[in-house]
Amino acid sequence: MSTLPVGLLIESLVALLLVVTIGYCVVLNKRLKRLRADEEALRATISELITASEIAERAILGLKATAGEADRTLGQRLVDAERLSQELAAHVSRGNTVLERITQITEAARTVQQNAAAPAPVAAAPIAEPAPARPAAMRASDIRSAAMEATARLELFRKRAAEQAA
């Protein structure tokens, strides 16, 4: 009978170890289920991250294309602005030339007007120029009106030049 209690003790110990192993397996199974659930959530998160990175890459490509287009457009506008600036400088230069000519015409008209008011010296030699088609009084009034008009325009140009300088 001594073998019976030792055998029973061993079997009881094995049964106890089996119960502990089953309990541990149950706990391990619960942990594995949580791990699998977390794995699914992690996969979903990774999938969303991949989608977001693809969208960001497309947005970056779009921004690069937009920046390139803006650079080309800006470059073209700068070239156009430079060309227009040169044209404007040429127009201003020509305007200054015209203004100088008008000043010379005005000065000449004033000189003619002053000379017409003074008595003319008697010419010793005949004049080689053809006779005017209009009377002298009419020519003087034409010259006066042209001089007055030139003076008015000159004042207008000077005012514009002063406004532009300011």
C-alpha atoms as a PDB file:
ATOM      1  CA  MET A   1       0.000   0.000   0.000  1.00  0.00           C
ATOM      2  CA  SER A   2       2.841   2.249   0.227  1.00  0.00           C
ATOM      3  CA  THR A   3       2.968   2.506  -3.540  1.00  0.00           C
ATOM      4  CA  LEU A   4      -0.575   3.659  -3.740  1.00  0.00           C
ATOM      5  CA  PRO A   5      -0.113   6.846  -1.797  1.00  0.00           C
ATOM      6  CA  VAL A   6       3.092   7.686  -3.680  1.00  0.00           C
ATOM      7  CA  GLY A   7       1.349   7.093  -6.997  1.00  0.00           C
ATOM      8  CA  LEU A   8      -1.605   9.103  -5.846  1.00  0.00           C
ATOM      9  CA  LEU A   9       0.664  11.889  -4.756  1.00  0.00           C
ATOM     10  CA  ILE A  10       2.414  11.942  -8.131  1.00  0.00           C
ATOM     11  CA  GLU A  11      -0.861  11.882  -9.996  1.00  0.00           C
ATOM     12  CA  SER A  12      -2.240  14.610  -7.744  1.00  0.00           C
ATOM     13  CA  LEU A  13       0.876  16.668  -8.396  1.00  0.00           C
ATOM     14  CA  VAL A  14       0.539  16.111 -12.164  1.00  0.00           C
ATOM     15  CA  ALA A  15      -3.170  17.029 -11.965  1.00  0.00           C
ATOM     16  CA  LEU A  16      -2.296  20.177 -10.028  1.00  0.00           C
ATOM     17  CA  LEU A  17       0.378  21.089 -12.551  1.00  0.00           C
ATOM     18  CA  LEU A  18      -2.120  20.506 -15.356  1.00  0.00           C
ATOM     19  CA  VAL A  19      -4.627  22.860 -13.659  1.00  0.00           C
ATOM     20  CA  VAL A  20      -1.900  25.504 -13.265  1.00  0.00           C
ATOM     21  CA  THR A  21      -0.880  25.001 -16.920  1.00  0.00           C
ATOM     22  CA  ILE A  22      -4.514  25.326 -18.075  1.00  0.00           C
ATOM     23  CA  GLY A  23      -4.906  28.511 -16.007  1.00  0.00           C
ATOM     24  CA  TYR A  24      -1.700  29.890 -17.468  1.00  0.00           C
ATOM     25  CA  CYS A  25      -2.882  28.972 -20.988  1.00  0.00           C
ATOM     26  CA  VAL A  26      -6.166  30.822 -20.360  1.00  0.00           C
ATOM     27  CA  VAL A  27      -4.275  33.934 -19.214  1.00  0.00           C
ATOM     28  CA  LEU A  28      -1.893  33.618 -22.162  1.00  0.00           C
ATOM     29  CA  ASN A  29      -4.833  33.221 -24.559  1.00  0.00           C
ATOM     30  CA  LYS A  30      -6.420  36.445 -23.240  1.00  0.00           C
ATOM     31  CA  ARG A  31      -3.150  38.288 -23.693  1.00  0.00           C
ATOM     32  CA  LEU A  32      -2.790  36.933 -27.240  1.00  0.00           C
ATOM     33  CA  LYS A  33      -6.329  38.106 -28.061  1.00  0.00           C
ATOM     34  CA  ARG A  34      -5.493  41.611 -26.801  1.00  0.00           C
ATOM     35  CA  LEU A  35      -2.249  41.547 -28.794  1.00  0.00           C
ATOM     36  CA  ARG A  36      -4.152  40.534 -31.948  1.00  0.00           C
ATOM     37  CA  ALA A  37      -6.691  43.295 -31.337  1.00  0.00           C
ATOM     38  CA  ASP A  38      -3.872  45.787 -30.861  1.00  0.00           C
ATOM     39  CA  GLU A  39      -2.219  44.418 -33.998  1.00  0.00           C
ATOM     40  CA  GLU A  40      -5.366  45.160 -36.021  1.00  0.00           C
ATOM     41  CA  ALA A  41      -5.512  48.681 -34.606  1.00  0.00           C
ATOM     42  CA  LEU A  42      -1.814  49.103 -35.402  1.00  0.00           C
ATOM     43  CA  ARG A  43      -2.366  47.871 -38.969  1.00  0.00           C
ATOM     44  CA  ALA A  44      -5.252  50.345 -39.380  1.00  0.00           C
ATOM     45  CA  THR A  45      -3.058  53.143 -38.048  1.00  0.00           C
ATOM     46  CA  ILE A  46      -0.214  52.166 -40.379  1.00  0.00           C
ATOM     47  CA  SER A  47      -2.644  52.045 -43.319  1.00  0.00           C
ATOM     48  CA  GLU A  48      -3.907  55.547 -42.477  1.00  0.00           C
ATOM     49  CA  LEU A  49      -0.337  56.779 -42.128  1.00  0.00           C
ATOM     50  CA  ILE A  50       0.569  55.371 -45.556  1.00  0.00           C
ATOM     51  CA  THR A  51      -2.495  57.033 -47.100  1.00  0.00           C
ATOM     52  CA  ALA A  52      -1.653  60.350 -45.438  1.00  0.00           C
ATOM     53  CA  SER A  53       1.945  60.182 -46.658  1.00  0.00           C
ATOM     54  CA  GLU A  54       0.785  59.492 -50.235  1.00  0.00           C
ATOM     55  CA  ILE A  55      -1.558  62.476 -50.071  1.00  0.00           C
ATOM     56  CA  ALA A  56       1.293  64.609 -48.707  1.00  0.00           C
ATOM     57  CA  GLU A  57       3.589  63.472 -51.529  1.00  0.00           C
ATOM     58  CA  ARG A  58       0.979  64.450 -54.129  1.00  0.00           C
ATOM     59  CA  ALA A  59       0.495  67.796 -52.407  1.00  0.00           C
ATOM     60  CA  ILE A  60       4.248  68.398 -52.426  1.00  0.00           C
ATOM     61  CA  LEU A  61       4.411  67.596 -56.143  1.00  0.00           C
ATOM     62  CA  GLY A  62       1.524  69.994 -56.723  1.00  0.00           C
ATOM     63  CA  LEU A  63       3.278  72.702 -54.718  1.00  0.00           C
ATOM     64  CA  LYS A  64       6.493  72.160 -56.670  1.00  0.00           C
ATOM     65  CA  ALA A  65       4.599  72.476 -59.954  1.00  0.00           C
ATOM     66  CA  THR A  66       2.837  75.611 -58.712  1.00  0.00           C
ATOM     67  CA  ALA A  67       6.123  77.123 -57.507  1.00  0.00           C
ATOM     68  CA  GLY A  68       7.753  76.364 -60.870  1.00  0.00           C
ATOM     69  CA  GLU A  69       4.870  77.971 -62.738  1.00  0.00           C
ATOM     70  CA  ALA A  70       4.966  81.000 -60.427  1.00  0.00           C
ATOM     71  CA  ASP A  71       8.708  81.298 -61.027  1.00  0.00           C
ATOM     72  CA  ARG A  72       8.254  81.176 -64.801  1.00  0.00           C
ATOM     73  CA  THR A  73       5.377  83.670 -64.662  1.00  0.00           C
ATOM     74  CA  LEU A  74       7.343  86.005 -62.413  1.00  0.00           C
ATOM     75  CA  GLY A  75      10.369  85.743 -64.686  1.00  0.00           C
ATOM     76  CA  GLN A  76       8.241  86.590 -67.718  1.00  0.00           C
ATOM     77  CA  ARG A  77       6.648  89.514 -65.895  1.00  0.00           C
ATOM     78  CA  LEU A  78      10.069  90.805 -64.882  1.00  0.00           C
ATOM     79  CA  VAL A  79      11.247  90.610 -68.487  1.00  0.00           C
ATOM     80  CA  ASP A  80       8.096  92.448 -69.619  1.00  0.00           C
ATOM     81  CA  ALA A  81       8.534  95.048 -66.878  1.00  0.00           C
ATOM     82  CA  GLU A  82      12.160  95.611 -67.886  1.00  0.00           C
ATOM     83  CA  ARG A  83      11.146  96.012 -71.527  1.00  0.00           C
ATOM     84  CA  LEU A  84       8.369  98.445 -70.596  1.00  0.00           C
ATOM     85  CA  SER A  85      10.765 100.348 -68.349  1.00  0.00           C
ATOM     86  CA  GLN A  86      13.185 100.750 -71.238  1.00  0.00           C
ATOM     87  CA  GLU A  87      10.365 101.853 -73.531  1.00  0.00           C
ATOM     88  CA  LEU A  88       9.180 104.344 -70.919  1.00  0.00           C
ATOM     89  CA  ALA A  89      12.717 105.697 -70.541  1.00  0.00           C
ATOM     90  CA  ALA A  90      12.911 106.106 -74.321  1.00  0.00           C
ATOM     91  CA  HIS A  91       9.535 107.902 -74.352  1.00  0.00           C
ATOM     92  CA  VAL A  92      10.650 110.209 -71.543  1.00  0.00           C
ATOM     93  CA  SER A  93      13.853 110.955 -73.425  1.00  0.00           C
ATOM     94  CA  ARG A  94      11.895 111.740 -76.588  1.00  0.00           C
ATOM     95  CA  GLY A  95       9.483 113.848 -74.520  1.00  0.00           C
ATOM     96  CA  ASN A  96      12.394 115.835 -73.128  1.00  0.00           C
ATOM     97  CA  THR A  97      13.673 116.355 -76.662  1.00  0.00           C
ATOM     98  CA  VAL A  98      10.232 117.571 -77.746  1.00  0.00           C
ATOM     99  CA  LEU A  99      10.060 119.830 -74.691  1.00  0.00           C
ATOM    100  CA  GLU A 100      13.444 121.334 -75.583  1.00  0.00           C
ATOM    101  CA  ARG A 101      12.294 121.924 -79.165  1.00  0.00           C
ATOM    102  CA  ILE A 102       9.084 123.570 -77.963  1.00  0.00           C
ATOM    103  CA  THR A 103      11.164 125.778 -75.662  1.00  0.00           C
ATOM    104  CA  GLN A 104      13.359 126.766 -78.592  1.00  0.00           C
ATOM    105  CA  ILE A 105      10.266 127.462 -80.740  1.00  0.00           C
ATOM    106  CA  THR A 106       8.755 129.561 -77.971  1.00  0.00           C
ATOM    107  CA  GLU A 107      11.961 131.533 -77.536  1.00  0.00           C
ATOM    108  CA  ALA A 108      12.173 132.035 -81.295  1.00  0.00           C
ATOM    109  CA  ALA A 109       8.530 133.161 -81.410  1.00  0.00           C
ATOM    110  CA  ARG A 110       9.160 135.648 -78.606  1.00  0.00           C
ATOM    111  CA  THR A 111      12.210 136.962 -80.441  1.00  0.00           C
ATOM    112  CA  VAL A 112      10.180 137.305 -83.647  1.00  0.00           C
ATOM    113  CA  GLN A 113       7.396 139.029 -81.735  1.00  0.00           C
ATOM    114  CA  GLN A 114       9.883 141.463 -80.182  1.00  0.00           C
ATOM    115  CA  ASN A 115      11.529 142.087 -83.562  1.00  0.00           C
ATOM    116  CA  ALA A 116       8.131 142.669 -85.196  1.00  0.00           C
ATOM    117  CA  ALA A 117       7.349 145.314 -82.595  1.00  0.00           C
ATOM    118  CA  ALA A 118      10.671 147.104 -83.240  1.00  0.00           C
ATOM    119  CA  PRO A 119      11.102 149.099 -86.471  1.00  0.00           C
ATOM    120  CA  ALA A 120      12.805 147.046 -89.138  1.00  0.00           C
ATOM    121  CA  PRO A 121      16.000 148.452 -90.669  1.00  0.00           C
ATOM    122  CA  VAL A 122      15.902 149.328 -94.329  1.00  0.00           C
ATOM    123  CA  ALA A 123      17.407 146.620 -96.440  1.00  0.00           C
ATOM    124  CA  ALA A 124      20.178 147.709 -98.777  1.00  0.00           C
ATOM    125  CA  ALA A 125      19.933 144.693-101.051  1.00  0.00           C
ATOM    126  CA  PRO A 126      16.799 143.129-102.502  1.00  0.00           C
ATOM    127  CA  ILE A 127      15.474 140.062-100.669  1.00  0.00           C
ATOM    128  CA  ALA A 128      15.891 136.817-102.579  1.00  0.00           C
ATOM    129  CA  GLU A 129      12.944 135.126-100.868  1.00  0.00           C
ATOM    130  CA  PRO A 130       9.620 134.880-102.694  1.00  0.00           C
ATOM    131  CA  ALA A 131       6.848 137.174-101.605  1.00  0.00           C
ATOM    132  CA  PRO A 132       4.603 135.708 -98.897  1.00  0.00           C
ATOM    133  CA  ALA A 133       1.160 134.577 -99.910  1.00  0.00           C
ATOM    134  CA  ARG A 134      -0.374 136.203 -96.855  1.00  0.00           C
ATOM    135  CA  PRO A 135      -0.051 139.729 -95.652  1.00  0.00           C
ATOM    136  CA  ALA A 136       2.580 140.414 -92.979  1.00  0.00           C
ATOM    137  CA  ALA A 137      -0.021 141.319 -90.362  1.00  0.00           C
ATOM    138  CA  MET A 138      -1.650 137.935 -90.797  1.00  0.00           C
ATOM    139  CA  ARG A 139       1.676 136.121 -90.458  1.00  0.00           C
ATOM    140  CA  ALA A 140       2.449 137.969 -87.245  1.00  0.00           C
ATOM    141  CA  SER A 141      -0.911 137.005 -85.730  1.00  0.00           C
ATOM    142  CA  ASP A 142      -0.357 133.393 -86.775  1.00  0.00           C
ATOM    143  CA  ILE A 143       3.060 133.463 -85.170  1.00  0.00           C
ATOM    144  CA  ARG A 144       1.618 135.023 -82.017  1.00  0.00           C
ATOM    145  CA  SER A 145      -1.119 132.416 -81.733  1.00  0.00           C
ATOM    146  CA  ALA A 146       1.401 129.617 -82.366  1.00  0.00           C
ATOM    147  CA  ALA A 147       3.713 131.090 -79.743  1.00  0.00           C
ATOM    148  CA  MET A 148       0.867 131.386 -77.233  1.00  0.00           C
ATOM    149  CA  GLU A 149      -0.170 127.802 -77.933  1.00  0.00           C
ATOM    150  CA  ALA A 150       3.429 126.591 -77.607  1.00  0.00           C
ATOM    151  CA  THR A 151       3.798 128.510 -74.340  1.00  0.00           C
ATOM    152  CA  ALA A 152       0.614 126.953 -72.959  1.00  0.00           C
ATOM    153  CA  ARG A 153       1.789 123.495 -73.948  1.00  0.00           C
ATOM    154  CA  LEU A 154       5.207 124.157 -72.471  1.00  0.00           C
ATOM    155  CA  GLU A 155       3.631 125.154 -69.154  1.00  0.00           C
ATOM    156  CA  LEU A 156       1.476 122.017 -69.251  1.00  0.00           C
ATOM    157  CA  PHE A 157       4.544 119.827 -69.884  1.00  0.00           C
ATOM    158  CA  ARG A 158       6.448 121.562 -67.075  1.00  0.00           C
ATOM    159  CA  LYS A 159       3.564 120.979 -64.668  1.00  0.00           C
ATOM    160  CA  ARG A 160       3.406 117.299 -65.639  1.00  0.00           C
ATOM    161  CA  ALA A 161       7.157 116.951 -65.259  1.00  0.00           C
ATOM    162  CA  ALA A 162       6.995 118.574 -61.817  1.00  0.00           C
ATOM    163  CA  GLU A 163       4.140 116.240 -60.799  1.00  0.00           C
ATOM    164  CA  GLN A 164       6.068 113.198 -61.985  1.00  0.00           C
ATOM    165  CA  ALA A 165       9.185 114.328 -60.169  1.00  0.00           C
ATOM    166  CA  ALA A 166       7.205 114.738 -56.940  1.00  0.00           C
END
